[in-house]
Amino acid sequence: MPKMVMDMTVSDQDGKEIFSRSKDYTVNDLYFKGGKQVAMAEWDVTATEHYDLGLKALQTDRNTFIVPVTAGTQSVDISARVKYLYSRDKTFDMADVHKHIVIE
């Protein structure tokens, strides 16, 4: 924590969920000792690896997903939500988008 999370679901015309995906945007410092991750209190500055999976200011992110649909599917509802998790008790919704797509 803190981090941003994007959750996406796709449901068919009967409301059955047919696809879902979640993506975290975080910045982490992981500490290793002898090749194994250890608690921050035991860290050694020479064994630190920095993993930046966050978004920079004014940076956008684009994702393409292949959603499997059956031959009888007439439409899908897509729901995408981005939320900011500051702590376990503090969560803020950043965006909530819903699209209905008819398959011809």
N, C-alpha and C. Protein backbone atom coordinates (compact mmCIF):
# COMPACT_ATOMS: atom_id res chain seq x y z
N MET A 1 0.86 -1.16 0.00
CA MET A 1 0.00 0.00 0.00
C MET A 1 0.90 1.22 0.00
N PRO A 2 0.52 2.31 -0.48
CA PRO A 2 -0.68 2.55 -1.29
C PRO A 2 -0.50 2.04 -2.72
N LYS A 3 -1.63 1.85 -3.41
CA LYS A 3 -1.57 1.41 -4.79
C LYS A 3 -2.89 1.73 -5.47
N MET A 4 -2.86 1.68 -6.81
CA MET A 4 -4.08 1.79 -7.60
C MET A 4 -4.37 0.42 -8.18
N VAL A 5 -5.66 0.10 -8.31
CA VAL A 5 -6.07 -1.19 -8.85
C VAL A 5 -7.14 -0.96 -9.91
N MET A 6 -6.96 -1.61 -11.07
CA MET A 6 -7.97 -1.59 -12.12
C MET A 6 -8.62 -2.96 -12.16
N ASP A 7 -9.94 -3.01 -11.98
CA ASP A 7 -10.70 -4.25 -12.07
C ASP A 7 -11.63 -4.16 -13.27
N MET A 8 -11.62 -5.19 -14.11
CA MET A 8 -12.49 -5.20 -15.28
C MET A 8 -13.23 -6.52 -15.34
N THR A 9 -14.53 -6.46 -15.64
CA THR A 9 -15.33 -7.67 -15.84
C THR A 9 -16.15 -7.53 -17.11
N VAL A 10 -16.41 -8.67 -17.74
CA VAL A 10 -17.27 -8.71 -18.93
C VAL A 10 -18.33 -9.77 -18.65
N SER A 11 -19.59 -9.39 -18.85
CA SER A 11 -20.72 -10.30 -18.64
C SER A 11 -21.52 -10.41 -19.93
N ASP A 12 -22.12 -11.59 -20.15
CA ASP A 12 -22.95 -11.77 -21.35
C ASP A 12 -24.35 -11.22 -21.10
N GLN A 13 -25.25 -11.37 -22.08
CA GLN A 13 -26.60 -10.80 -21.99
C GLN A 13 -27.43 -11.41 -20.86
N ASP A 14 -27.03 -12.57 -20.35
CA ASP A 14 -27.73 -13.20 -19.23
C ASP A 14 -27.14 -12.80 -17.88
N GLY A 15 -26.13 -11.94 -17.89
CA GLY A 15 -25.50 -11.48 -16.65
C GLY A 15 -24.41 -12.41 -16.15
N LYS A 16 -24.08 -13.45 -16.92
CA LYS A 16 -23.04 -14.40 -16.52
C LYS A 16 -21.67 -13.80 -16.83
N GLU A 17 -20.80 -13.75 -15.81
CA GLU A 17 -19.45 -13.22 -16.02
C GLU A 17 -18.66 -14.19 -16.89
N ILE A 18 -18.11 -13.68 -18.00
CA ILE A 18 -17.35 -14.53 -18.91
C ILE A 18 -15.87 -14.18 -18.94
N PHE A 19 -15.49 -13.06 -18.31
CA PHE A 19 -14.10 -12.64 -18.33
C PHE A 19 -13.87 -11.64 -17.21
N SER A 20 -12.70 -11.70 -16.59
CA SER A 20 -12.33 -10.68 -15.60
C SER A 20 -10.82 -10.54 -15.58
N ARG A 21 -10.38 -9.37 -15.22
CA ARG A 21 -8.95 -9.09 -15.15
C ARG A 21 -8.76 -8.01 -14.08
N SER A 22 -7.65 -8.08 -13.37
CA SER A 22 -7.29 -7.08 -12.38
C SER A 22 -5.83 -6.72 -12.60
N LYS A 23 -5.51 -5.45 -12.43
CA LYS A 23 -4.13 -5.00 -12.60
C LYS A 23 -3.79 -4.02 -11.50
N ASP A 24 -2.65 -4.25 -10.85
CA ASP A 24 -2.16 -3.36 -9.80
C ASP A 24 -1.14 -2.40 -10.37
N TYR A 25 -1.18 -1.17 -9.89
CA TYR A 25 -0.19 -0.15 -10.23
C TYR A 25 0.48 0.23 -8.91
N THR A 26 1.70 -0.26 -8.69
CA THR A 26 2.37 -0.03 -7.42
C THR A 26 3.83 0.31 -7.64
N VAL A 27 4.43 0.85 -6.61
CA VAL A 27 5.88 1.08 -6.57
C VAL A 27 6.37 0.34 -5.32
N ASN A 28 7.27 -0.60 -5.52
CA ASN A 28 7.73 -1.43 -4.40
C ASN A 28 9.25 -1.47 -4.34
N ASP A 29 9.76 -1.53 -3.14
CA ASP A 29 11.15 -1.85 -2.90
C ASP A 29 11.16 -3.20 -2.21
N LEU A 30 11.81 -4.17 -2.83
CA LEU A 30 11.89 -5.51 -2.25
C LEU A 30 13.31 -5.73 -1.75
N TYR A 31 13.43 -6.37 -0.61
CA TYR A 31 14.72 -6.56 0.03
C TYR A 31 15.05 -8.05 0.05
N PHE A 32 16.27 -8.38 -0.39
CA PHE A 32 16.69 -9.77 -0.49
C PHE A 32 17.95 -10.01 0.33
N LYS A 33 18.03 -11.19 0.90
CA LYS A 33 19.21 -11.61 1.65
C LYS A 33 19.41 -13.08 1.31
N GLY A 34 20.51 -13.42 0.71
CA GLY A 34 20.74 -14.80 0.31
C GLY A 34 19.76 -15.29 -0.74
N GLY A 35 19.26 -14.37 -1.57
CA GLY A 35 18.33 -14.75 -2.63
C GLY A 35 16.89 -14.87 -2.19
N LYS A 36 16.59 -14.59 -0.92
CA LYS A 36 15.22 -14.69 -0.42
C LYS A 36 14.76 -13.32 0.07
N GLN A 37 13.47 -13.04 -0.20
CA GLN A 37 12.91 -11.77 0.25
C GLN A 37 12.81 -11.76 1.77
N VAL A 38 13.19 -10.63 2.39
CA VAL A 38 13.15 -10.51 3.85
C VAL A 38 12.38 -9.26 4.24
N ALA A 39 12.05 -9.16 5.52
CA ALA A 39 11.33 -7.99 6.03
C ALA A 39 12.20 -6.74 5.90
N MET A 40 11.56 -5.58 5.80
CA MET A 40 12.29 -4.32 5.60
C MET A 40 13.27 -4.05 6.74
N ALA A 41 12.96 -4.49 7.96
CA ALA A 41 13.84 -4.23 9.11
C ALA A 41 15.19 -4.94 8.97
N GLU A 42 15.25 -5.97 8.14
CA GLU A 42 16.49 -6.73 7.99
C GLU A 42 17.24 -6.37 6.70
N TRP A 43 16.84 -5.31 6.04
CA TRP A 43 17.36 -5.04 4.70
C TRP A 43 18.82 -4.62 4.68
N ASP A 44 19.42 -4.91 3.56
CA ASP A 44 20.81 -4.57 3.27
C ASP A 44 20.78 -3.72 2.00
N VAL A 45 21.27 -2.50 2.04
CA VAL A 45 21.16 -1.58 0.91
C VAL A 45 21.76 -2.16 -0.37
N THR A 46 22.70 -3.06 -0.24
CA THR A 46 23.32 -3.66 -1.44
C THR A 46 22.43 -4.75 -2.04
N ALA A 47 21.38 -5.15 -1.33
CA ALA A 47 20.53 -6.24 -1.80
C ALA A 47 19.12 -5.75 -2.13
N THR A 48 18.95 -4.46 -2.40
CA THR A 48 17.63 -3.89 -2.66
C THR A 48 17.33 -3.90 -4.15
N GLU A 49 16.12 -4.34 -4.51
CA GLU A 49 15.65 -4.26 -5.88
C GLU A 49 14.40 -3.40 -5.89
N HIS A 50 14.34 -2.47 -6.82
CA HIS A 50 13.22 -1.53 -6.91
C HIS A 50 12.32 -1.94 -8.08
N TYR A 51 11.06 -2.19 -7.79
CA TYR A 51 10.08 -2.57 -8.80
C TYR A 51 9.07 -1.45 -8.92
N ASP A 52 9.08 -0.75 -10.03
CA ASP A 52 8.17 0.37 -10.25
C ASP A 52 7.12 -0.06 -11.26
N LEU A 53 5.94 -0.43 -10.77
CA LEU A 53 4.82 -0.80 -11.62
C LEU A 53 3.73 0.27 -11.57
N GLY A 54 4.11 1.47 -11.15
CA GLY A 54 3.15 2.55 -11.02
C GLY A 54 3.05 3.37 -12.30
N LEU A 55 2.09 4.28 -12.31
CA LEU A 55 1.94 5.22 -13.41
C LEU A 55 2.59 6.54 -13.03
N LYS A 56 3.32 7.12 -13.95
CA LYS A 56 3.92 8.43 -13.73
C LYS A 56 2.86 9.52 -13.95
N ALA A 57 3.12 10.70 -13.47
CA ALA A 57 2.19 11.82 -13.64
C ALA A 57 1.91 12.04 -15.12
N LEU A 58 0.65 12.17 -15.46
CA LEU A 58 0.14 12.42 -16.82
C LEU A 58 0.41 11.25 -17.77
N GLN A 59 0.84 10.12 -17.28
CA GLN A 59 1.06 8.94 -18.11
C GLN A 59 -0.25 8.16 -18.24
N THR A 60 -0.50 7.60 -19.40
CA THR A 60 -1.69 6.78 -19.60
C THR A 60 -1.27 5.32 -19.71
N ASP A 61 -2.23 4.45 -19.57
CA ASP A 61 -1.99 3.02 -19.71
C ASP A 61 -3.07 2.46 -20.62
N ARG A 62 -2.68 1.60 -21.53
CA ARG A 62 -3.61 1.01 -22.47
C ARG A 62 -3.46 -0.50 -22.40
N ASN A 63 -4.59 -1.19 -22.39
CA ASN A 63 -4.59 -2.65 -22.33
C ASN A 63 -5.51 -3.19 -23.41
N THR A 64 -5.14 -4.30 -24.00
CA THR A 64 -5.98 -4.98 -24.97
C THR A 64 -6.24 -6.39 -24.45
N PHE A 65 -7.50 -6.77 -24.39
CA PHE A 65 -7.88 -8.08 -23.90
C PHE A 65 -8.68 -8.81 -24.97
N ILE A 66 -8.42 -10.08 -25.14
CA ILE A 66 -9.20 -10.93 -26.02
C ILE A 66 -10.23 -11.62 -25.14
N VAL A 67 -11.51 -11.31 -25.37
CA VAL A 67 -12.58 -11.86 -24.54
C VAL A 67 -13.26 -12.98 -25.31
N PRO A 68 -13.21 -14.21 -24.78
CA PRO A 68 -13.84 -15.32 -25.48
C PRO A 68 -15.36 -15.29 -25.30
N VAL A 69 -16.09 -15.30 -26.40
CA VAL A 69 -17.56 -15.35 -26.35
C VAL A 69 -18.03 -16.56 -27.13
N THR A 70 -19.14 -17.12 -26.70
CA THR A 70 -19.70 -18.28 -27.38
C THR A 70 -20.54 -17.82 -28.58
N ALA A 71 -20.87 -18.76 -29.44
CA ALA A 71 -21.61 -18.43 -30.67
C ALA A 71 -22.97 -17.79 -30.38
N GLY A 72 -23.61 -18.10 -29.27
CA GLY A 72 -24.93 -17.56 -28.97
C GLY A 72 -24.92 -16.22 -28.26
N THR A 73 -23.77 -15.65 -28.02
CA THR A 73 -23.69 -14.37 -27.30
C THR A 73 -24.18 -13.24 -28.19
N GLN A 74 -25.16 -12.49 -27.70
CA GLN A 74 -25.75 -11.39 -28.46
C GLN A 74 -25.21 -10.03 -28.04
N SER A 75 -24.82 -9.92 -26.77
CA SER A 75 -24.27 -8.66 -26.28
C SER A 75 -23.42 -8.92 -25.04
N VAL A 76 -22.58 -7.95 -24.71
CA VAL A 76 -21.76 -8.02 -23.50
C VAL A 76 -21.82 -6.68 -22.78
N ASP A 77 -21.68 -6.75 -21.49
CA ASP A 77 -21.55 -5.56 -20.66
C ASP A 77 -20.16 -5.55 -20.07
N ILE A 78 -19.45 -4.44 -20.28
CA ILE A 78 -18.08 -4.29 -19.80
C ILE A 78 -18.10 -3.28 -18.66
N SER A 79 -17.46 -3.65 -17.57
CA SER A 79 -17.37 -2.77 -16.41
C SER A 79 -15.91 -2.66 -16.01
N ALA A 80 -15.41 -1.43 -15.91
CA ALA A 80 -14.03 -1.20 -15.49
C ALA A 80 -14.05 -0.17 -14.36
N ARG A 81 -13.31 -0.48 -13.30
CA ARG A 81 -13.24 0.41 -12.14
C ARG A 81 -11.79 0.58 -11.74
N VAL A 82 -11.40 1.82 -11.50
CA VAL A 82 -10.07 2.11 -10.98
C VAL A 82 -10.25 2.69 -9.59
N LYS A 83 -9.54 2.09 -8.63
CA LYS A 83 -9.64 2.59 -7.26
C LYS A 83 -8.25 2.78 -6.68
N TYR A 84 -8.17 3.70 -5.74
CA TYR A 84 -6.92 4.01 -5.06
C TYR A 84 -7.02 3.46 -3.64
N LEU A 85 -6.13 2.56 -3.30
CA LEU A 85 -6.10 1.97 -1.96
C LEU A 85 -4.98 2.64 -1.18
N TYR A 86 -5.35 3.56 -0.32
CA TYR A 86 -4.35 4.26 0.48
C TYR A 86 -3.91 3.40 1.65
N SER A 87 -4.88 2.75 2.28
CA SER A 87 -4.62 1.82 3.38
C SER A 87 -5.77 0.83 3.39
N ARG A 88 -5.74 -0.10 4.32
CA ARG A 88 -6.83 -1.08 4.39
C ARG A 88 -8.16 -0.42 4.68
N ASP A 89 -8.14 0.69 5.39
CA ASP A 89 -9.37 1.37 5.78
C ASP A 89 -9.77 2.51 4.86
N LYS A 90 -8.86 2.97 4.01
CA LYS A 90 -9.13 4.13 3.15
C LYS A 90 -8.97 3.73 1.68
N THR A 91 -10.11 3.66 0.98
CA THR A 91 -10.14 3.32 -0.43
C THR A 91 -10.97 4.38 -1.15
N PHE A 92 -10.48 4.84 -2.30
CA PHE A 92 -11.16 5.88 -3.05
C PHE A 92 -11.40 5.41 -4.48
N ASP A 93 -12.64 5.54 -4.97
CA ASP A 93 -12.93 5.23 -6.37
C ASP A 93 -12.44 6.37 -7.24
N MET A 94 -11.66 6.03 -8.25
CA MET A 94 -11.10 7.04 -9.16
C MET A 94 -11.92 7.14 -10.45
N ALA A 95 -12.36 5.99 -10.98
CA ALA A 95 -13.14 5.97 -12.22
C ALA A 95 -13.99 4.71 -12.23
N ASP A 96 -15.15 4.81 -12.85
CA ASP A 96 -16.06 3.68 -12.96
C ASP A 96 -16.75 3.81 -14.32
N VAL A 97 -16.46 2.89 -15.24
CA VAL A 97 -16.95 2.97 -16.61
C VAL A 97 -17.72 1.70 -16.96
N HIS A 98 -18.88 1.87 -17.60
CA HIS A 98 -19.69 0.74 -18.04
C HIS A 98 -20.04 0.93 -19.50
N LYS A 99 -19.90 -0.13 -20.29
CA LYS A 99 -20.23 -0.10 -21.72
C LYS A 99 -21.07 -1.32 -22.05
N HIS A 100 -22.09 -1.13 -22.88
CA HIS A 100 -22.92 -2.22 -23.40
C HIS A 100 -22.60 -2.34 -24.89
N ILE A 101 -22.20 -3.54 -25.31
CA ILE A 101 -21.83 -3.74 -26.71
C ILE A 101 -22.70 -4.84 -27.30
N VAL A 102 -23.34 -4.52 -28.41
CA VAL A 102 -24.17 -5.50 -29.12
C VAL A 102 -23.29 -6.18 -30.17
N ILE A 103 -23.37 -7.53 -30.19
CA ILE A 103 -22.59 -8.30 -31.15
C ILE A 103 -23.48 -8.65 -32.33
N GLU A 104 -23.08 -8.25 -33.49
CA GLU A 104 -23.91 -8.50 -34.69
C GLU A 104 -23.42 -9.68 -35.48
